[in-house]
């Protein structure tokens, strides 16, 4: 169960970073950091859906578990974006504590919703 949960979180974090890297080809970095919560929201939902898909019958209390995993995924995305932002020329970019909470809450809520969608889809 732990490996499946970690894979789900890695899918969410990796997806957010891939979307940000793709958009950096035609959008400035400042705008990408502004719309990053949308990427986190979409990939948070993917985290919850993938979690239920992988653990169909072995997971109990899907809502709480997916919410906690979503919060973890949001925190890991925050760390990755903050590290990537510090690598920008000049190293001037840094996210704040408010951004951390936004990433965590957005990812947690959408992960919960993605898990609920998967439960309805798989009729669990």
N, C-alpha and C. Protein backbone atom coordinates (compact mmCIF):
# COMPACT_ATOMS: atom_id res chain seq x y z
N UNK A 1 0.82 -1.19 0.00
CA UNK A 1 0.00 0.00 0.00
C UNK A 1 0.86 1.25 0.00
N UNK A 2 1.99 1.22 0.64
CA UNK A 2 2.86 2.38 0.72
C UNK A 2 3.46 2.73 -0.63
N UNK A 3 3.87 1.71 -1.39
CA UNK A 3 4.46 1.95 -2.70
C UNK A 3 3.43 2.59 -3.63
N UNK A 4 2.21 2.12 -3.61
CA UNK A 4 1.16 2.69 -4.46
C UNK A 4 0.86 4.12 -4.07
N UNK A 5 0.87 4.41 -2.79
CA UNK A 5 0.62 5.78 -2.34
C UNK A 5 1.76 6.70 -2.77
N UNK A 6 2.99 6.24 -2.66
CA UNK A 6 4.13 7.05 -3.09
C UNK A 6 4.12 7.28 -4.60
N UNK A 7 3.73 6.26 -5.36
CA UNK A 7 3.61 6.43 -6.81
C UNK A 7 2.55 7.47 -7.15
N UNK A 8 1.45 7.46 -6.41
CA UNK A 8 0.39 8.43 -6.66
C UNK A 8 0.87 9.85 -6.40
N UNK A 9 1.60 10.05 -5.31
CA UNK A 9 2.13 11.38 -5.00
C UNK A 9 3.16 11.80 -6.04
N UNK A 10 4.01 10.88 -6.45
CA UNK A 10 5.03 11.20 -7.46
C UNK A 10 4.39 11.57 -8.79
N UNK A 11 3.28 10.92 -9.13
CA UNK A 11 2.57 11.28 -10.35
C UNK A 11 2.05 12.71 -10.26
N UNK A 12 1.50 13.08 -9.12
CA UNK A 12 0.99 14.44 -8.94
C UNK A 12 2.07 15.50 -8.98
N UNK A 13 3.15 15.26 -8.26
CA UNK A 13 4.25 16.23 -8.22
C UNK A 13 4.93 16.33 -9.59
N UNK A 14 5.20 15.17 -10.17
CA UNK A 14 5.85 15.16 -11.48
C UNK A 14 4.99 15.81 -12.55
N UNK A 15 3.69 15.58 -12.50
CA UNK A 15 2.80 16.20 -13.46
C UNK A 15 2.78 17.72 -13.35
N UNK A 16 2.80 18.22 -12.13
CA UNK A 16 2.83 19.68 -11.94
C UNK A 16 4.12 20.28 -12.50
N UNK A 17 5.22 19.61 -12.26
CA UNK A 17 6.50 20.12 -12.75
C UNK A 17 6.59 20.02 -14.27
N UNK A 18 6.05 18.96 -14.85
CA UNK A 18 6.07 18.82 -16.30
C UNK A 18 5.20 19.89 -16.95
N UNK A 19 4.03 20.16 -16.39
CA UNK A 19 3.19 21.23 -16.93
C UNK A 19 3.87 22.59 -16.82
N UNK A 20 4.54 22.83 -15.72
CA UNK A 20 5.25 24.10 -15.56
C UNK A 20 6.40 24.22 -16.55
N UNK A 21 7.12 23.13 -16.76
CA UNK A 21 8.24 23.16 -17.72
C UNK A 21 7.71 23.36 -19.14
N UNK A 22 6.62 22.71 -19.47
CA UNK A 22 6.04 22.88 -20.80
C UNK A 22 5.59 24.31 -21.03
N UNK A 23 4.90 24.88 -20.04
CA UNK A 23 4.40 26.25 -20.19
C UNK A 23 5.51 27.29 -20.18
N UNK A 24 6.67 26.93 -19.63
CA UNK A 24 7.77 27.90 -19.60
C UNK A 24 8.33 28.19 -20.99
N UNK A 25 7.94 27.39 -21.98
CA UNK A 25 8.41 27.66 -23.33
C UNK A 25 7.69 28.85 -23.97
N UNK A 26 6.48 29.17 -23.51
CA UNK A 26 5.75 30.28 -24.12
C UNK A 26 5.13 31.26 -23.12
N UNK A 27 5.36 31.06 -21.83
CA UNK A 27 4.86 31.97 -20.79
C UNK A 27 6.05 32.35 -19.91
N UNK A 28 6.05 33.57 -19.42
CA UNK A 28 7.14 34.00 -18.54
C UNK A 28 7.06 33.26 -17.21
N UNK A 29 8.19 33.17 -16.53
CA UNK A 29 8.26 32.42 -15.27
C UNK A 29 7.38 33.05 -14.19
N UNK A 30 7.26 34.37 -14.17
CA UNK A 30 6.42 35.01 -13.16
C UNK A 30 4.96 34.59 -13.30
N UNK A 31 4.49 34.48 -14.56
CA UNK A 31 3.11 34.06 -14.77
C UNK A 31 2.92 32.59 -14.46
N UNK A 32 3.93 31.78 -14.71
CA UNK A 32 3.84 30.36 -14.39
C UNK A 32 3.71 30.17 -12.89
N UNK A 33 4.48 30.90 -12.11
CA UNK A 33 4.39 30.78 -10.66
C UNK A 33 3.04 31.28 -10.15
N UNK A 34 2.42 32.19 -10.90
CA UNK A 34 1.10 32.69 -10.52
C UNK A 34 0.02 31.65 -10.79
N UNK A 35 0.11 30.91 -11.91
CA UNK A 35 -0.91 29.92 -12.25
C UNK A 35 -0.55 28.51 -11.76
N UNK A 36 0.53 28.38 -11.06
CA UNK A 36 0.96 27.07 -10.56
C UNK A 36 -0.10 26.38 -9.68
N UNK A 37 -0.89 27.10 -8.88
CA UNK A 37 -1.94 26.41 -8.12
C UNK A 37 -2.95 25.67 -9.00
N UNK A 38 -3.18 26.14 -10.22
CA UNK A 38 -4.05 25.40 -11.14
C UNK A 38 -3.44 24.07 -11.54
N UNK A 39 -2.14 24.07 -11.79
CA UNK A 39 -1.45 22.83 -12.11
C UNK A 39 -1.46 21.88 -10.92
N UNK A 40 -1.28 22.44 -9.74
CA UNK A 40 -1.30 21.64 -8.52
C UNK A 40 -2.69 21.05 -8.30
N UNK A 41 -3.72 21.83 -8.60
CA UNK A 41 -5.09 21.34 -8.43
C UNK A 41 -5.38 20.17 -9.36
N UNK A 42 -5.03 20.32 -10.62
CA UNK A 42 -5.28 19.24 -11.58
C UNK A 42 -4.53 17.98 -11.18
N UNK A 43 -3.28 18.11 -10.83
CA UNK A 43 -2.48 16.94 -10.50
C UNK A 43 -2.81 16.39 -9.12
N UNK A 44 -3.36 17.21 -8.25
CA UNK A 44 -3.87 16.71 -6.98
C UNK A 44 -5.05 15.78 -7.20
N UNK A 45 -5.93 16.16 -8.13
CA UNK A 45 -7.05 15.28 -8.47
C UNK A 45 -6.55 13.98 -9.08
N UNK A 46 -5.51 14.05 -9.87
CA UNK A 46 -4.93 12.84 -10.45
C UNK A 46 -4.33 11.95 -9.35
N UNK A 47 -3.76 12.57 -8.33
CA UNK A 47 -3.21 11.80 -7.21
C UNK A 47 -4.29 11.00 -6.51
N UNK A 48 -5.40 11.65 -6.18
CA UNK A 48 -6.50 10.95 -5.52
C UNK A 48 -7.11 9.87 -6.37
N UNK A 49 -7.30 10.15 -7.65
CA UNK A 49 -7.88 9.16 -8.55
C UNK A 49 -6.95 7.95 -8.69
N UNK A 50 -5.68 8.20 -8.88
CA UNK A 50 -4.70 7.11 -9.04
C UNK A 50 -4.60 6.27 -7.77
N UNK A 51 -4.71 6.92 -6.62
CA UNK A 51 -4.66 6.20 -5.35
C UNK A 51 -5.79 5.19 -5.25
N UNK A 52 -7.00 5.62 -5.55
CA UNK A 52 -8.15 4.71 -5.47
C UNK A 52 -8.07 3.65 -6.57
N UNK A 53 -7.59 4.03 -7.72
CA UNK A 53 -7.46 3.07 -8.81
C UNK A 53 -6.47 1.96 -8.46
N UNK A 54 -5.38 2.31 -7.81
CA UNK A 54 -4.35 1.33 -7.48
C UNK A 54 -4.73 0.47 -6.27
N UNK A 55 -5.45 1.05 -5.31
CA UNK A 55 -5.74 0.35 -4.06
C UNK A 55 -7.20 -0.03 -3.90
N UNK A 56 -7.92 -0.21 -4.95
CA UNK A 56 -9.37 -0.38 -4.95
C UNK A 56 -9.97 -0.95 -3.67
N UNK A 57 -9.72 -2.19 -3.34
CA UNK A 57 -10.36 -2.81 -2.18
C UNK A 57 -9.53 -2.74 -0.91
N UNK A 58 -8.29 -2.39 -1.02
CA UNK A 58 -7.40 -2.41 0.15
C UNK A 58 -7.38 -1.10 0.92
N UNK A 59 -8.10 -0.11 0.49
CA UNK A 59 -8.06 1.19 1.16
C UNK A 59 -9.38 1.41 1.90
N UNK A 60 -9.25 1.87 3.13
CA UNK A 60 -10.41 2.22 3.93
C UNK A 60 -10.33 3.71 4.22
N UNK A 61 -11.47 4.36 4.29
CA UNK A 61 -11.55 5.80 4.53
C UNK A 61 -10.78 6.56 3.45
N UNK A 62 -11.21 6.40 2.22
CA UNK A 62 -10.51 6.99 1.07
C UNK A 62 -10.43 8.50 1.17
N UNK A 63 -11.44 9.13 1.70
CA UNK A 63 -11.45 10.59 1.77
C UNK A 63 -10.31 11.15 2.60
N UNK A 64 -10.14 10.63 3.79
CA UNK A 64 -9.08 11.12 4.67
C UNK A 64 -7.70 10.78 4.12
N UNK A 65 -7.53 9.57 3.65
CA UNK A 65 -6.23 9.14 3.15
C UNK A 65 -5.83 9.94 1.91
N UNK A 66 -6.77 10.16 0.99
CA UNK A 66 -6.44 10.94 -0.21
C UNK A 66 -6.19 12.40 0.13
N UNK A 67 -6.91 12.95 1.12
CA UNK A 67 -6.67 14.33 1.52
C UNK A 67 -5.27 14.50 2.10
N UNK A 68 -4.86 13.57 2.95
CA UNK A 68 -3.52 13.64 3.54
C UNK A 68 -2.44 13.49 2.47
N UNK A 69 -2.64 12.55 1.54
CA UNK A 69 -1.68 12.40 0.45
C UNK A 69 -1.64 13.64 -0.43
N UNK A 70 -2.79 14.25 -0.66
CA UNK A 70 -2.83 15.49 -1.44
C UNK A 70 -2.07 16.61 -0.76
N UNK A 71 -2.20 16.72 0.56
CA UNK A 71 -1.44 17.73 1.30
C UNK A 71 0.05 17.48 1.17
N UNK A 72 0.45 16.22 1.27
CA UNK A 72 1.87 15.88 1.09
C UNK A 72 2.36 16.19 -0.31
N UNK A 73 1.53 15.90 -1.30
CA UNK A 73 1.90 16.21 -2.68
C UNK A 73 2.02 17.71 -2.91
N UNK A 74 1.13 18.48 -2.31
CA UNK A 74 1.23 19.94 -2.42
C UNK A 74 2.49 20.48 -1.76
N UNK A 75 2.85 19.91 -0.62
CA UNK A 75 4.07 20.35 0.07
C UNK A 75 5.31 19.98 -0.75
N UNK A 76 5.32 18.79 -1.33
CA UNK A 76 6.47 18.40 -2.17
C UNK A 76 6.56 19.25 -3.43
N UNK A 77 5.42 19.60 -4.01
CA UNK A 77 5.43 20.49 -5.17
C UNK A 77 5.95 21.86 -4.78
N UNK A 78 5.56 22.35 -3.61
CA UNK A 78 6.07 23.63 -3.12
C UNK A 78 7.59 23.60 -3.00
N UNK A 79 8.11 22.53 -2.43
CA UNK A 79 9.57 22.41 -2.27
C UNK A 79 10.25 22.38 -3.63
N UNK A 80 9.70 21.63 -4.57
CA UNK A 80 10.31 21.53 -5.90
C UNK A 80 10.25 22.86 -6.65
N UNK A 81 9.12 23.55 -6.57
CA UNK A 81 8.99 24.85 -7.25
C UNK A 81 9.89 25.89 -6.59
N UNK A 82 9.98 25.85 -5.29
CA UNK A 82 10.85 26.80 -4.59
C UNK A 82 12.31 26.55 -4.94
N UNK A 83 12.69 25.28 -5.04
CA UNK A 83 14.07 24.95 -5.42
C UNK A 83 14.35 25.37 -6.85
N UNK A 84 13.39 25.14 -7.74
CA UNK A 84 13.57 25.55 -9.14
C UNK A 84 13.59 27.07 -9.26
N UNK A 85 12.79 27.75 -8.46
CA UNK A 85 12.79 29.21 -8.48
C UNK A 85 14.09 29.81 -7.98
N UNK A 86 14.74 29.14 -7.06
CA UNK A 86 16.02 29.66 -6.57
C UNK A 86 17.14 29.45 -7.59
N UNK A 87 16.91 28.59 -8.59
CA UNK A 87 17.90 28.38 -9.64
C UNK A 87 17.78 29.38 -10.78
N UNK A 88 16.75 30.23 -10.73
CA UNK A 88 16.61 31.25 -11.76
C UNK A 88 17.79 32.20 -11.72
N UNK A 89 18.08 32.86 -12.83
CA UNK A 89 19.19 33.83 -12.83
C UNK A 89 19.01 34.88 -11.73
N UNK A 90 19.99 35.01 -10.90
CA UNK A 90 19.93 35.94 -9.79
C UNK A 90 19.44 35.30 -8.50
N UNK A 91 18.73 34.20 -8.61
CA UNK A 91 18.25 33.48 -7.43
C UNK A 91 17.33 34.30 -6.56
N UNK A 92 16.54 35.18 -7.15
CA UNK A 92 15.74 36.11 -6.37
C UNK A 92 14.39 35.56 -5.99
N UNK A 93 13.94 34.50 -6.61
CA UNK A 93 12.58 34.02 -6.40
C UNK A 93 12.49 33.10 -5.20
N UNK A 94 11.52 33.32 -4.36
CA UNK A 94 11.26 32.43 -3.23
C UNK A 94 9.77 32.51 -2.89
N UNK A 95 9.16 31.37 -2.68
CA UNK A 95 7.76 31.31 -2.28
C UNK A 95 7.67 31.48 -0.77
N UNK A 96 6.54 31.99 -0.32
CA UNK A 96 6.36 32.21 1.10
C UNK A 96 5.52 31.13 1.76
N UNK A 97 5.28 31.32 3.05
CA UNK A 97 4.50 30.36 3.84
C UNK A 97 3.05 30.33 3.36
N UNK A 98 2.52 31.47 2.97
CA UNK A 98 1.15 31.51 2.45
C UNK A 98 1.04 30.65 1.19
N UNK A 99 2.04 30.70 0.33
CA UNK A 99 2.04 29.86 -0.87
C UNK A 99 2.06 28.37 -0.51
N UNK A 100 2.80 28.03 0.53
CA UNK A 100 2.83 26.64 0.98
C UNK A 100 1.44 26.18 1.39
N UNK A 101 0.74 26.99 2.16
CA UNK A 101 -0.60 26.63 2.59
C UNK A 101 -1.57 26.55 1.42
N UNK A 102 -1.43 27.45 0.46
CA UNK A 102 -2.29 27.40 -0.73
C UNK A 102 -2.06 26.11 -1.49
N UNK A 103 -0.80 25.74 -1.72
CA UNK A 103 -0.48 24.52 -2.45
C UNK A 103 -1.02 23.30 -1.70
N UNK A 104 -0.86 23.28 -0.38
CA UNK A 104 -1.30 22.14 0.41
C UNK A 104 -2.81 22.01 0.41
N UNK A 105 -3.53 23.09 0.62
CA UNK A 105 -4.98 23.04 0.69
C UNK A 105 -5.58 22.72 -0.67
N UNK A 106 -5.08 23.37 -1.71
CA UNK A 106 -5.59 23.11 -3.06
C UNK A 106 -5.36 21.66 -3.45
N UNK A 107 -4.17 21.16 -3.22
CA UNK A 107 -3.87 19.78 -3.57
C UNK A 107 -4.66 18.79 -2.72
N UNK A 108 -4.82 19.08 -1.44
CA UNK A 108 -5.58 18.19 -0.56
C UNK A 108 -7.04 18.10 -0.95
N UNK A 109 -7.66 19.24 -1.22
CA UNK A 109 -9.08 19.25 -1.57
C UNK A 109 -9.31 18.57 -2.91
N UNK A 110 -8.49 18.88 -3.90
CA UNK A 110 -8.69 18.26 -5.21
C UNK A 110 -8.33 16.77 -5.20
N UNK A 111 -7.40 16.37 -4.36
CA UNK A 111 -7.10 14.95 -4.22
C UNK A 111 -8.30 14.22 -3.62
N UNK A 112 -8.92 14.82 -2.64
CA UNK A 112 -10.14 14.27 -2.05
C UNK A 112 -11.24 14.12 -3.11
N UNK A 113 -11.41 15.17 -3.92
CA UNK A 113 -12.43 15.13 -4.96
C UNK A 113 -12.10 14.10 -6.05
N UNK A 114 -10.83 13.98 -6.39
CA UNK A 114 -10.42 12.97 -7.36
C UNK A 114 -10.66 11.56 -6.83
N UNK A 115 -10.43 11.35 -5.55
CA UNK A 115 -10.69 10.04 -4.95
C UNK A 115 -12.19 9.74 -4.93
N UNK A 116 -13.01 10.73 -4.62
CA UNK A 116 -14.46 10.53 -4.63
C UNK A 116 -14.95 10.22 -6.05
N UNK A 117 -14.37 10.86 -7.04
CA UNK A 117 -14.72 10.56 -8.42
C UNK A 117 -14.36 9.12 -8.78
N UNK A 118 -13.20 8.69 -8.36
CA UNK A 118 -12.78 7.31 -8.64
C UNK A 118 -13.67 6.30 -7.93
N UNK A 119 -14.07 6.59 -6.71
CA UNK A 119 -14.96 5.69 -5.97
C UNK A 119 -16.29 5.55 -6.70
N UNK A 120 -16.79 6.66 -7.21
CA UNK A 120 -18.05 6.59 -7.97
C UNK A 120 -17.86 5.87 -9.30
N UNK A 121 -16.72 6.08 -9.93
CA UNK A 121 -16.48 5.45 -11.24
C UNK A 121 -16.32 3.93 -11.10
N UNK A 122 -15.57 3.50 -10.08
CA UNK A 122 -15.35 2.08 -9.89
C UNK A 122 -16.44 1.40 -9.05
N UNK A 123 -17.43 2.19 -8.61
CA UNK A 123 -18.57 1.69 -7.83
C UNK A 123 -18.10 0.93 -6.58
N UNK A 124 -17.24 1.57 -5.80
CA UNK A 124 -16.71 0.94 -4.58
C UNK A 124 -17.56 1.30 -3.37
